Amino acid sequence: MDGKMLARLGAVVFVAIAVTATAIDMARKDEPSAPRPAPAVQPPADPLREGQRRCQQLGEAAASDAECLRVWAETRDRFLGRTPAPTTPQSSEGR
């Protein structure tokens, strides 16, 4: 076999494989597409998250802000699964 004949034979084999693959793909039944996910529902507003955002915007000043310290303590308790300590009202009646 010379080079031209081998090139023609290769081309014919390539075309035959391409036609076969196309026929198989077209004969395949179309599977129903997966249903689209429902639109995301907004979770209810979380006051702790809002406090965290506020403290984040304060930057370094948040380290001395009493509200931010409370928010961070509550966040830590929530993360660790602790129940928050009950807050006792401070009164000066007994002294």
PDB file of N, CA and C in Angstrom:
ATOM      1  N   MET A   1       0.840  -1.176   0.000  1.00  0.00           N
ATOM      2  CA  MET A   1       0.000   0.000   0.000  1.00  0.00           C
ATOM      3  C   MET A   1       0.881   1.233   0.000  1.00  0.00           C
ATOM      4  N   ASP A   2       0.476   2.175  -0.806  1.00  0.00           N
ATOM      5  CA  ASP A   2       1.230   3.425  -0.828  1.00  0.00           C
ATOM      6  C   ASP A   2       0.585   4.433   0.128  1.00  0.00           C
ATOM      7  N   GLY A   3       1.181   5.584   0.289  1.00  0.00           N
ATOM      8  CA  GLY A   3       0.751   6.591   1.251  1.00  0.00           C
ATOM      9  C   GLY A   3      -0.628   7.144   0.985  1.00  0.00           C
ATOM     10  N   LYS A   4      -0.963   7.370  -0.319  1.00  0.00           N
ATOM     11  CA  LYS A   4      -2.281   7.939  -0.651  1.00  0.00           C
ATOM     12  C   LYS A   4      -3.402   6.987  -0.269  1.00  0.00           C
ATOM     13  N   MET A   5      -3.175   5.720  -0.574  1.00  0.00           N
ATOM     14  CA  MET A   5      -4.209   4.729  -0.294  1.00  0.00           C
ATOM     15  C   MET A   5      -4.424   4.609   1.226  1.00  0.00           C
ATOM     16  N   LEU A   6      -3.349   4.644   1.988  1.00  0.00           N
ATOM     17  CA  LEU A   6      -3.451   4.553   3.436  1.00  0.00           C
ATOM     18  C   LEU A   6      -4.175   5.783   4.012  1.00  0.00           C
ATOM     19  N   ALA A   7      -3.918   6.964   3.446  1.00  0.00           N
ATOM     20  CA  ALA A   7      -4.595   8.187   3.895  1.00  0.00           C
ATOM     21  C   ALA A   7      -6.079   8.123   3.591  1.00  0.00           C
ATOM     22  N   ARG A   8      -6.441   7.631   2.424  1.00  0.00           N
ATOM     23  CA  ARG A   8      -7.857   7.502   2.069  1.00  0.00           C
ATOM     24  C   ARG A   8      -8.568   6.516   2.997  1.00  0.00           C
ATOM     25  N   LEU A   9      -7.914   5.378   3.261  1.00  0.00           N
ATOM     26  CA  LEU A   9      -8.502   4.381   4.137  1.00  0.00           C
ATOM     27  C   LEU A   9      -8.704   4.959   5.543  1.00  0.00           C
ATOM     28  N   GLY A  10      -7.750   5.727   6.033  1.00  0.00           N
ATOM     29  CA  GLY A  10      -7.865   6.365   7.343  1.00  0.00           C
ATOM     30  C   GLY A  10      -9.018   7.355   7.367  1.00  0.00           C
ATOM     31  N   ALA A  11      -9.172   8.134   6.301  1.00  0.00           N
ATOM     32  CA  ALA A  11     -10.258   9.109   6.224  1.00  0.00           C
ATOM     33  C   ALA A  11     -11.616   8.410   6.226  1.00  0.00           C
ATOM     34  N   VAL A  12     -11.726   7.300   5.476  1.00  0.00           N
ATOM     35  CA  VAL A  12     -12.988   6.566   5.410  1.00  0.00           C
ATOM     36  C   VAL A  12     -13.324   5.985   6.791  1.00  0.00           C
ATOM     37  N   VAL A  13     -12.341   5.433   7.468  1.00  0.00           N
ATOM     38  CA  VAL A  13     -12.579   4.879   8.798  1.00  0.00           C
ATOM     39  C   VAL A  13     -13.009   5.989   9.763  1.00  0.00           C
ATOM     40  N   PHE A  14     -12.359   7.144   9.681  1.00  0.00           N
ATOM     41  CA  PHE A  14     -12.713   8.280  10.546  1.00  0.00           C
ATOM     42  C   PHE A  14     -14.143   8.719  10.301  1.00  0.00           C
ATOM     43  N   VAL A  15     -14.537   8.852   9.045  1.00  0.00           N
ATOM     44  CA  VAL A  15     -15.899   9.275   8.707  1.00  0.00           C
ATOM     45  C   VAL A  15     -16.902   8.223   9.171  1.00  0.00           C
ATOM     46  N   ALA A  16     -16.580   6.959   9.019  1.00  0.00           N
ATOM     47  CA  ALA A  16     -17.494   5.890   9.447  1.00  0.00           C
ATOM     48  C   ALA A  16     -17.696   5.941  10.963  1.00  0.00           C
ATOM     49  N   ILE A  17     -16.636   6.158  11.700  1.00  0.00           N
ATOM     50  CA  ILE A  17     -16.758   6.248  13.155  1.00  0.00           C
ATOM     51  C   ILE A  17     -17.579   7.480  13.541  1.00  0.00           C
ATOM     52  N   ALA A  18     -17.352   8.608  12.878  1.00  0.00           N
ATOM     53  CA  ALA A  18     -18.095   9.832  13.187  1.00  0.00           C
ATOM     54  C   ALA A  18     -19.582   9.656  12.892  1.00  0.00           C
ATOM     55  N   VAL A  19     -19.914   9.027  11.775  1.00  0.00           N
ATOM     56  CA  VAL A  19     -21.317   8.802  11.423  1.00  0.00           C
ATOM     57  C   VAL A  19     -21.966   7.859  12.431  1.00  0.00           C
ATOM     58  N   THR A  20     -21.264   6.810  12.823  1.00  0.00           N
ATOM     59  CA  THR A  20     -21.808   5.857  13.803  1.00  0.00           C
ATOM     60  C   THR A  20     -22.055   6.545  15.141  1.00  0.00           C
ATOM     61  N   ALA A  21     -21.102   7.355  15.604  1.00  0.00           N
ATOM     62  CA  ALA A  21     -21.274   8.057  16.872  1.00  0.00           C
ATOM     63  C   ALA A  21     -22.447   9.023  16.802  1.00  0.00           C
ATOM     64  N   THR A  22     -22.621   9.700  15.692  1.00  0.00           N
ATOM     65  CA  THR A  22     -23.737  10.629  15.527  1.00  0.00           C
ATOM     66  C   THR A  22     -25.066   9.884  15.536  1.00  0.00           C
ATOM     67  N   ALA A  23     -25.131   8.739  14.847  1.00  0.00           N
ATOM     68  CA  ALA A  23     -26.368   7.961  14.803  1.00  0.00           C
ATOM     69  C   ALA A  23     -26.738   7.445  16.188  1.00  0.00           C
ATOM     70  N   ILE A  24     -25.748   7.004  16.947  1.00  0.00           N
ATOM     71  CA  ILE A  24     -26.023   6.507  18.295  1.00  0.00           C
ATOM     72  C   ILE A  24     -26.530   7.644  19.183  1.00  0.00           C
ATOM     73  N   ASP A  25     -25.909   8.806  19.063  1.00  0.00           N
ATOM     74  CA  ASP A  25     -26.321   9.951  19.864  1.00  0.00           C
ATOM     75  C   ASP A  25     -27.736  10.395  19.512  1.00  0.00           C
ATOM     76  N   MET A  26     -28.086  10.384  18.250  1.00  0.00           N
ATOM     77  CA  MET A  26     -29.427  10.817  17.836  1.00  0.00           C
ATOM     78  C   MET A  26     -30.487   9.788  18.238  1.00  0.00           C
ATOM     79  N   ALA A  27     -30.114   8.502  18.278  1.00  0.00           N
ATOM     80  CA  ALA A  27     -31.076   7.456  18.608  1.00  0.00           C
ATOM     81  C   ALA A  27     -31.352   7.384  20.108  1.00  0.00           C
ATOM     82  N   ARG A  28     -30.477   7.953  20.876  1.00  0.00           N
ATOM     83  CA  ARG A  28     -30.641   7.923  22.332  1.00  0.00           C
ATOM     84  C   ARG A  28     -31.888   8.712  22.728  1.00  0.00           C
ATOM     85  N   LYS A  29     -32.656   8.175  23.648  1.00  0.00           N
ATOM     86  CA  LYS A  29     -33.849   8.881  24.113  1.00  0.00           C
ATOM     87  C   LYS A  29     -33.415  10.052  24.976  1.00  0.00           C
ATOM     88  N   ASP A  30     -34.088  11.154  24.816  1.00  0.00           N
ATOM     89  CA  ASP A  30     -33.790  12.322  25.634  1.00  0.00           C
ATOM     90  C   ASP A  30     -34.302  12.075  27.042  1.00  0.00           C
ATOM     91  N   GLU A  31     -33.416  12.171  27.989  1.00  0.00           N
ATOM     92  CA  GLU A  31     -33.814  12.006  29.379  1.00  0.00           C
ATOM     93  C   GLU A  31     -34.417  13.322  29.851  1.00  0.00           C
ATOM     94  N   PRO A  32     -35.449  13.236  30.670  1.00  0.00           N
ATOM     95  CA  PRO A  32     -36.031  14.491  31.168  1.00  0.00           C
ATOM     96  C   PRO A  32     -34.990  15.240  31.993  1.00  0.00           C
ATOM     97  N   SER A  33     -34.968  16.519  31.793  1.00  0.00           N
ATOM     98  CA  SER A  33     -33.996  17.324  32.522  1.00  0.00           C
ATOM     99  C   SER A  33     -34.403  17.418  33.987  1.00  0.00           C
ATOM    100  N   ALA A  34     -33.425  17.607  34.807  1.00  0.00           N
ATOM    101  CA  ALA A  34     -33.690  17.704  36.247  1.00  0.00           C
ATOM    102  C   ALA A  34     -34.527  18.949  36.513  1.00  0.00           C
ATOM    103  N   PRO A  35     -35.462  18.862  37.443  1.00  0.00           N
ATOM    104  CA  PRO A  35     -36.275  20.040  37.741  1.00  0.00           C
ATOM    105  C   PRO A  35     -35.402  21.157  38.299  1.00  0.00           C
ATOM    106  N   ARG A  36     -35.789  22.357  37.966  1.00  0.00           N
ATOM    107  CA  ARG A  36     -35.029  23.515  38.436  1.00  0.00           C
ATOM    108  C   ARG A  36     -35.248  23.694  39.929  1.00  0.00           C
ATOM    109  N   PRO A  37     -34.190  24.061  40.622  1.00  0.00           N
ATOM    110  CA  PRO A  37     -34.359  24.261  42.066  1.00  0.00           C
ATOM    111  C   PRO A  37     -35.268  25.449  42.341  1.00  0.00           C
ATOM    112  N   ALA A  38     -35.993  25.341  43.431  1.00  0.00           N
ATOM    113  CA  ALA A  38     -36.892  26.428  43.818  1.00  0.00           C
ATOM    114  C   ALA A  38     -36.068  27.661  44.182  1.00  0.00           C
ATOM    115  N   PRO A  39     -36.620  28.831  43.968  1.00  0.00           N
ATOM    116  CA  PRO A  39     -35.871  30.028  44.327  1.00  0.00           C
ATOM    117  C   PRO A  39     -35.550  30.039  45.815  1.00  0.00           C
ATOM    118  N   ALA A  40     -34.411  30.589  46.118  1.00  0.00           N
ATOM    119  CA  ALA A  40     -33.959  30.618  47.507  1.00  0.00           C
ATOM    120  C   ALA A  40     -34.902  31.467  48.351  1.00  0.00           C
ATOM    121  N   VAL A  41     -35.219  30.946  49.507  1.00  0.00           N
ATOM    122  CA  VAL A  41     -36.094  31.655  50.437  1.00  0.00           C
ATOM    123  C   VAL A  41     -35.203  32.425  51.405  1.00  0.00           C
ATOM    124  N   GLN A  42     -35.527  33.665  51.621  1.00  0.00           N
ATOM    125  CA  GLN A  42     -34.751  34.495  52.537  1.00  0.00           C
ATOM    126  C   GLN A  42     -34.979  34.007  53.958  1.00  0.00           C
ATOM    127  N   PRO A  43     -33.905  33.709  54.681  1.00  0.00           N
ATOM    128  CA  PRO A  43     -34.084  33.307  56.072  1.00  0.00           C
ATOM    129  C   PRO A  43     -34.564  34.495  56.902  1.00  0.00           C
ATOM    130  N   PRO A  44     -35.204  34.220  58.017  1.00  0.00           N
ATOM    131  CA  PRO A  44     -35.673  35.334  58.851  1.00  0.00           C
ATOM    132  C   PRO A  44     -34.484  36.145  59.351  1.00  0.00           C
ATOM    133  N   ALA A  45     -34.732  37.412  59.587  1.00  0.00           N
ATOM    134  CA  ALA A  45     -33.665  38.309  60.037  1.00  0.00           C
ATOM    135  C   ALA A  45     -33.134  37.844  61.383  1.00  0.00           C
ATOM    136  N   ASP A  46     -31.828  37.814  61.506  1.00  0.00           N
ATOM    137  CA  ASP A  46     -31.171  37.388  62.735  1.00  0.00           C
ATOM    138  C   ASP A  46     -30.513  38.602  63.372  1.00  0.00           C
ATOM    139  N   PRO A  47     -30.986  39.045  64.541  1.00  0.00           N
ATOM    140  CA  PRO A  47     -30.408  40.239  65.164  1.00  0.00           C
ATOM    141  C   PRO A  47     -28.927  40.058  65.501  1.00  0.00           C
ATOM    142  N   LEU A  48     -28.526  38.815  65.792  1.00  0.00           N
ATOM    143  CA  LEU A  48     -27.117  38.572  66.083  1.00  0.00           C
ATOM    144  C   LEU A  48     -26.263  38.828  64.848  1.00  0.00           C
ATOM    145  N   ARG A  49     -26.753  38.376  63.691  1.00  0.00           N
ATOM    146  CA  ARG A  49     -26.015  38.597  62.439  1.00  0.00           C
ATOM    147  C   ARG A  49     -25.902  40.089  62.142  1.00  0.00           C
ATOM    148  N   GLU A  50     -26.986  40.815  62.386  1.00  0.00           N
ATOM    149  CA  GLU A  50     -26.950  42.261  62.147  1.00  0.00           C
ATOM    150  C   GLU A  50     -25.949  42.938  63.071  1.00  0.00           C
ATOM    151  N   GLY A  51     -25.880  42.476  64.328  1.00  0.00           N
ATOM    152  CA  GLY A  51     -24.904  43.012  65.264  1.00  0.00           C
ATOM    153  C   GLY A  51     -23.478  42.711  64.819  1.00  0.00           C
ATOM    154  N   GLN A  52     -23.269  41.509  64.281  1.00  0.00           N
ATOM    155  CA  GLN A  52     -21.943  41.151  63.778  1.00  0.00           C
ATOM    156  C   GLN A  52     -21.535  42.056  62.615  1.00  0.00           C
ATOM    157  N   ARG A  53     -22.476  42.331  61.736  1.00  0.00           N
ATOM    158  CA  ARG A  53     -22.180  43.220  60.600  1.00  0.00           C
ATOM    159  C   ARG A  53     -21.813  44.621  61.095  1.00  0.00           C
ATOM    160  N   ARG A  54     -22.569  45.104  62.086  1.00  0.00           N
ATOM    161  CA  ARG A  54     -22.301  46.429  62.624  1.00  0.00           C
ATOM    162  C   ARG A  54     -20.904  46.484  63.231  1.00  0.00           C
ATOM    163  N   CYS A  55     -20.554  45.454  63.983  1.00  0.00           N
ATOM    164  CA  CYS A  55     -19.232  45.418  64.613  1.00  0.00           C
ATOM    165  C   CYS A  55     -18.130  45.293  63.570  1.00  0.00           C
ATOM    166  N   GLN A  56     -18.400  44.588  62.506  1.00  0.00           N
ATOM    167  CA  GLN A  56     -17.421  44.451  61.429  1.00  0.00           C
ATOM    168  C   GLN A  56     -17.144  45.810  60.798  1.00  0.00           C
ATOM    169  N   GLN A  57     -18.170  46.606  60.650  1.00  0.00           N
ATOM    170  CA  GLN A  57     -18.008  47.922  60.036  1.00  0.00           C
ATOM    171  C   GLN A  57     -17.289  48.900  60.967  1.00  0.00           C
ATOM    172  N   LEU A  58     -17.364  48.659  62.264  1.00  0.00           N
ATOM    173  CA  LEU A  58     -16.681  49.547  63.210  1.00  0.00           C
ATOM    174  C   LEU A  58     -15.163  49.393  63.152  1.00  0.00           C
ATOM    175  N   GLY A  59     -14.714  48.230  62.755  1.00  0.00           N
ATOM    176  CA  GLY A  59     -13.272  48.002  62.672  1.00  0.00           C
ATOM    177  C   GLY A  59     -12.654  47.875  64.051  1.00  0.00           C
ATOM    178  N   GLU A  60     -11.522  48.555  64.269  1.00  0.00           N
ATOM    179  CA  GLU A  60     -10.810  48.459  65.550  1.00  0.00           C
ATOM    180  C   GLU A  60     -11.618  49.023  66.707  1.00  0.00           C
ATOM    181  N   ALA A  61     -12.484  49.962  66.443  1.00  0.00           N
ATOM    182  CA  ALA A  61     -13.293  50.563  67.502  1.00  0.00           C
ATOM    183  C   ALA A  61     -14.227  49.535  68.141  1.00  0.00           C
ATOM    184  N   ALA A  62     -14.509  48.441  67.446  1.00  0.00           N
ATOM    185  CA  ALA A  62     -15.404  47.415  67.981  1.00  0.00           C
ATOM    186  C   ALA A  62     -14.811  46.727  69.197  1.00  0.00           C
ATOM    187  N   ALA A  63     -13.484  46.713  69.322  1.00  0.00           N
ATOM    188  CA  ALA A  63     -12.838  46.041  70.457  1.00  0.00           C
ATOM    189  C   ALA A  63     -13.166  46.722  71.779  1.00  0.00           C
ATOM    190  N   SER A  64     -13.531  47.989  71.747  1.00  0.00           N
ATOM    191  CA  SER A  64     -13.863  48.688  72.986  1.00  0.00           C
ATOM    192  C   SER A  64     -15.357  49.005  73.091  1.00  0.00           C
ATOM    193  N   ASP A  65     -16.147  48.502  72.149  1.00  0.00           N
ATOM    194  CA  ASP A  65     -17.591  48.748  72.143  1.00  0.00           C
ATOM    195  C   ASP A  65     -18.288  47.661  72.960  1.00  0.00           C
ATOM    196  N   ALA A  66     -19.052  48.054  73.975  1.00  0.00           N
ATOM    197  CA  ALA A  66     -19.714  47.093  74.866  1.00  0.00           C
ATOM    198  C   ALA A  66     -20.706  46.214  74.111  1.00  0.00           C
ATOM    199  N   GLU A  67     -21.434  46.780  73.186  1.00  0.00           N
ATOM    200  CA  GLU A  67     -22.416  46.008  72.409  1.00  0.00           C
ATOM    201  C   GLU A  67     -21.714  44.948  71.569  1.00  0.00           C
ATOM    202  N   CYS A  68     -20.580  45.290  70.970  1.00  0.00           N
ATOM    203  CA  CYS A  68     -19.835  44.320  70.161  1.00  0.00           C
ATOM    204  C   CYS A  68     -19.289  43.196  71.033  1.00  0.00           C
ATOM    205  N   LEU A  69     -18.825  43.524  72.222  1.00  0.00           N
ATOM    206  CA  LEU A  69     -18.341  42.492  73.135  1.00  0.00           C
ATOM    207  C   LEU A  69     -19.461  41.529  73.508  1.00  0.00           C
ATOM    208  N   ARG A  70     -20.683  42.065  73.706  1.00  0.00           N
ATOM    209  CA  ARG A  70     -21.833  41.216  74.000  1.00  0.00           C
ATOM    210  C   ARG A  70     -22.178  40.324  72.811  1.00  0.00           C
ATOM    211  N   VAL A  71     -22.153  40.921  71.596  1.00  0.00           N
ATOM    212  CA  VAL A  71     -22.464  40.165  70.378  1.00  0.00           C
ATOM    213  C   VAL A  71     -21.452  39.044  70.187  1.00  0.00           C
ATOM    214  N   TRP A  72     -20.181  39.327  70.389  1.00  0.00           N
ATOM    215  CA  TRP A  72     -19.143  38.303  70.213  1.00  0.00           C
ATOM    216  C   TRP A  72     -19.292  37.194  71.245  1.00  0.00           C
ATOM    217  N   ALA A  73     -19.646  37.550  72.469  1.00  0.00           N
ATOM    218  CA  ALA A  73     -19.852  36.529  73.502  1.00  0.00           C
ATOM    219  C   ALA A  73     -21.034  35.634  73.134  1.00  0.00           C
ATOM    220  N   GLU A  74     -22.100  36.225  72.643  1.00  0.00           N
ATOM    221  CA  GLU A  74     -23.273  35.446  72.244  1.00  0.00           C
ATOM    222  C   GLU A  74     -22.959  34.572  71.041  1.00  0.00           C
ATOM    223  N   THR A  75     -22.179  35.089  70.105  1.00  0.00           N
ATOM    224  CA  THR A  75     -21.769  34.313  68.931  1.00  0.00           C
ATOM    225  C   THR A  75     -20.933  33.117  69.366  1.00  0.00           C
ATOM    226  N   ARG A  76     -20.004  33.351  70.271  1.00  0.00           N
ATOM    227  CA  ARG A  76     -19.151  32.277  70.774  1.00  0.00           C
ATOM    228  C   ARG A  76     -19.999  31.202  71.451  1.00  0.00           C
ATOM    229  N   ASP A  77     -20.961  31.619  72.276  1.00  0.00           N
ATOM    230  CA  ASP A  77     -21.824  30.655  72.950  1.00  0.00           C
ATOM    231  C   ASP A  77     -22.643  29.846  71.959  1.00  0.00           C
ATOM    232  N   ARG A  78     -23.158  30.508  70.956  1.00  0.00           N
ATOM    233  CA  ARG A  78     -23.965  29.812  69.942  1.00  0.00           C
ATOM    234  C   ARG A  78     -23.106  28.806  69.192  1.00  0.00           C
ATOM    235  N   PHE A  79     -21.886  29.204  68.832  1.00  0.00           N
ATOM    236  CA  PHE A  79     -20.994  28.324  68.080  1.00  0.00           C
ATOM    237  C   PHE A  79     -20.623  27.095  68.901  1.00  0.00           C
ATOM    238  N   LEU A  80     -20.329  27.304  70.169  1.00  0.00           N
ATOM    239  CA  LEU A  80     -19.904  26.205  71.034  1.00  0.00           C
ATOM    240  C   LEU A  80     -21.069  25.391  71.573  1.00  0.00           C
ATOM    241  N   GLY A  81     -22.293  25.824  71.307  1.00  0.00           N
ATOM    242  CA  GLY A  81     -23.475  25.088  71.742  1.00  0.00           C
ATOM    243  C   GLY A  81     -23.793  25.283  73.211  1.00  0.00           C
ATOM    244  N   ARG A  82     -23.276  26.335  73.774  1.00  0.00           N
ATOM    245  CA  ARG A  82     -23.559  26.632  75.174  1.00  0.00           C
ATOM    246  C   ARG A  82     -24.857  27.416  75.286  1.00  0.00           C
ATOM    247  N   THR A  83     -25.514  27.230  76.417  1.00  0.00           N
ATOM    248  CA  THR A  83     -26.674  28.077  76.671  1.00  0.00           C
ATOM    249  C   THR A  83     -26.156  29.377  77.275  1.00  0.00           C
ATOM    250  N   PRO A  84     -26.662  30.492  76.806  1.00  0.00           N
ATOM    251  CA  PRO A  84     -26.157  31.762  77.330  1.00  0.00           C
ATOM    252  C   PRO A  84     -26.436  31.878  78.823  1.00  0.00           C
ATOM    253  N   ALA A  85     -25.484  32.454  79.519  1.00  0.00           N
ATOM    254  CA  ALA A  85     -25.642  32.641  80.966  1.00  0.00           C
ATOM    255  C   ALA A  85     -26.758  33.647  81.210  1.00  0.00           C
ATOM    256  N   PRO A  86     -27.610  33.371  82.192  1.00  0.00           N
ATOM    257  CA  PRO A  86     -28.692  34.334  82.463  1.00  0.00           C
ATOM    258  C   PRO A  86     -28.098  35.636  82.988  1.00  0.00           C
ATOM    259  N   THR A  87     -28.625  36.714  82.487  1.00  0.00           N
ATOM    260  CA  THR A  87     -28.134  38.027  82.928  1.00  0.00           C
ATOM    261  C   THR A  87     -28.892  38.437  84.163  1.00  0.00           C
ATOM    262  N   THR A  88     -28.153  38.792  85.167  1.00  0.00           N
ATOM    263  CA  THR A  88     -28.791  39.233  86.406  1.00  0.00           C
ATOM    264  C   THR A  88     -28.774  40.751  86.444  1.00  0.00           C
ATOM    265  N   PRO A  89     -29.901  41.356  86.752  1.00  0.00           N
ATOM    266  CA  PRO A  89     -29.928  42.819  86.796  1.00  0.00           C
ATOM    267  C   PRO A  89     -29.080  43.315  87.959  1.00  0.00           C
ATOM    268  N   GLN A  90     -28.294  44.303  87.712  1.00  0.00           N
ATOM    269  CA  GLN A  90     -27.417  44.883  88.716  1.00  0.00           C
ATOM    270  C   GLN A  90     -28.198  45.971  89.466  1.00  0.00           C
ATOM    271  N   SER A  91     -28.263  45.842  90.766  1.00  0.00           N
ATOM    272  CA  SER A  91     -28.950  46.867  91.551  1.00  0.00           C
ATOM    273  C   SER A  91     -28.055  47.289  92.699  1.00  0.00           C
ATOM    274  N   SER A  92     -28.255  48.492  93.153  1.00  0.00           N
ATOM    275  CA  SER A  92     -27.439  49.044  94.230  1.00  0.00           C
ATOM    276  C   SER A  92     -28.256  49.167  95.513  1.00  0.00           C
ATOM    277  N   GLU A  93     -29.345  48.390  95.653  1.00  0.00           N
ATOM    278  CA  GLU A  93     -30.212  48.502  96.818  1.00  0.00           C
ATOM    279  C   GLU A  93     -29.580  47.927  98.076  1.00  0.00           C
ATOM    280  N   GLY A  94     -28.828  46.867  97.976  1.00  0.00           N
ATOM    281  CA  GLY A  94     -28.302  46.200  99.142  1.00  0.00           C
ATOM    282  C   GLY A  94     -27.052  46.861  99.690  1.00  0.00           C
ATOM    283  N   ARG A  95     -26.526  47.867  99.080  1.00  0.00           N
ATOM    284  CA  ARG A  95     -25.260  48.441  99.538  1.00  0.00           C
ATOM    285  C   ARG A  95     -25.408  49.822  99.951  1.00  0.00           C
TER     286      ARG A  95
END
